[in-house]
Structures are given as C-alpha cells and as structure tokens.
C-alpha cells in the first residue's frame, strides 16, 4: 500500500494522485483519489494534513468532497 511509510516523497506523490483526474474513467479516478486521501491521512504528518486541507479548499469538486470527508474522519490531536 502507498502511504504507509510516509515521508516527503510519498506525500508529494499521493498529493498528485489526489488531484489527478480522468475524463475517460471518472469512477476509477474517484477510487484513486479516495485511496490517495486515505493514505495521506494514515501518514499522520503535518505536511500530509496540509495537502488534504489544500485539496479540500482548492481542488475540483470531487477532490474537495473526498478531502473534506477524510479530514472529517481524522482526529485533531496535533
């Protein structure tokens, strides 16, 4: 699974995956985005949370929806 180990490279790659879409397969793109957002939440670093917050604020409609759902499920233990 991606994102289990974390680190800056994983955060960057998952952020790109979260924001990538596919005109030809929107259902698959939603699955990829959901998996990327969940992996970012599991990394549990401030940088990963920032990627999710940025996506929740500035992403496309689908990205914002997924990021907000994942952020809502995270604890605010920072």
Protein backbone atom coordinates (compact mmCIF):
# COMPACT_ATOMS: atom_id res chain seq x y z
CA UNK A 1 0.00 0.00 0.00
CA UNK A 2 1.17 3.50 -0.81
CA UNK A 3 1.49 5.96 2.02
CA UNK A 4 2.08 3.54 4.85
CA UNK A 5 5.74 4.50 5.22
CA UNK A 6 5.20 8.20 4.63
CA UNK A 7 7.88 10.77 4.02
CA UNK A 8 8.08 13.78 1.72
CA UNK A 9 8.24 11.71 -1.47
CA UNK A 10 5.14 9.74 -0.55
CA UNK A 11 3.25 12.90 0.41
CA UNK A 12 4.12 14.56 -2.90
CA UNK A 13 3.15 11.51 -4.96
CA UNK A 14 -0.11 11.00 -3.08
CA UNK A 15 -0.96 14.69 -3.43
CA UNK A 16 -0.51 14.41 -7.17
CA UNK A 17 -2.67 11.27 -7.22
CA UNK A 18 -5.36 13.00 -5.20
CA UNK A 19 -5.59 15.86 -7.69
CA UNK A 20 -5.31 13.80 -10.87
CA UNK A 21 -8.46 13.06 -12.77
CA UNK A 22 -9.52 11.08 -15.78
CA UNK A 23 -12.11 12.24 -18.23
CA UNK A 24 -12.44 8.71 -19.61
CA UNK A 25 -12.86 6.85 -16.33
CA UNK A 26 -14.31 9.10 -13.62
CA UNK A 27 -15.27 6.20 -11.35
CA UNK A 28 -11.72 4.87 -11.34
CA UNK A 29 -10.38 8.39 -10.74
CA UNK A 30 -12.65 8.67 -7.71
CA UNK A 31 -11.28 5.38 -6.37
CA UNK A 32 -7.68 6.57 -6.88
CA UNK A 33 -8.44 9.87 -5.18
CA UNK A 34 -10.13 8.16 -2.25
CA UNK A 35 -7.18 5.80 -1.79
CA UNK A 36 -4.67 8.67 -2.03
CA UNK A 37 -6.58 10.74 0.54
CA UNK A 38 -6.82 7.79 2.94
CA UNK A 39 -3.10 7.11 2.57
CA UNK A 40 -2.31 10.77 3.33
CA UNK A 41 -4.43 10.53 6.48
CA UNK A 42 -2.51 7.40 7.56
CA UNK A 43 0.84 9.16 7.16
CA UNK A 44 -0.18 11.40 10.07
CA UNK A 45 2.33 14.19 9.45
CA UNK A 46 1.51 17.91 9.32
CA UNK A 47 2.65 18.06 5.68
CA UNK A 48 0.22 15.29 4.69
CA UNK A 49 -2.63 17.01 6.51
CA UNK A 50 -1.76 20.26 4.72
CA UNK A 51 -2.06 18.54 1.33
CA UNK A 52 -5.54 17.34 2.34
CA UNK A 53 -6.54 20.78 3.60
CA UNK A 54 -5.32 22.40 0.38
CA UNK A 55 -7.28 19.85 -1.66
CA UNK A 56 -10.39 20.45 0.46
CA UNK A 57 -10.11 24.17 -0.20
CA UNK A 58 -8.85 24.44 -3.77
CA UNK A 59 -9.38 21.10 -5.52
CA UNK A 60 -12.02 20.25 -8.08
CA UNK A 61 -15.49 19.47 -6.78
CA UNK A 62 -14.80 15.73 -6.43
CA UNK A 63 -11.40 16.30 -4.83
CA UNK A 64 -12.83 18.77 -2.32
CA UNK A 65 -15.58 16.32 -1.37
CA UNK A 66 -13.16 13.42 -0.80
CA UNK A 67 -10.61 15.53 1.08
CA UNK A 68 -13.28 17.01 3.37
CA UNK A 69 -14.67 13.56 4.16
CA UNK A 70 -11.20 12.24 5.06
CA UNK A 71 -10.36 15.33 7.11
CA UNK A 72 -13.64 14.95 8.99
CA UNK A 73 -12.63 11.44 9.99
CA UNK A 74 -9.18 12.48 11.26
CA UNK A 75 -8.58 13.37 14.87
CA UNK A 76 -7.31 16.80 15.75
CA UNK A 77 -4.59 15.51 18.08
CA UNK A 78 -2.00 17.98 16.79
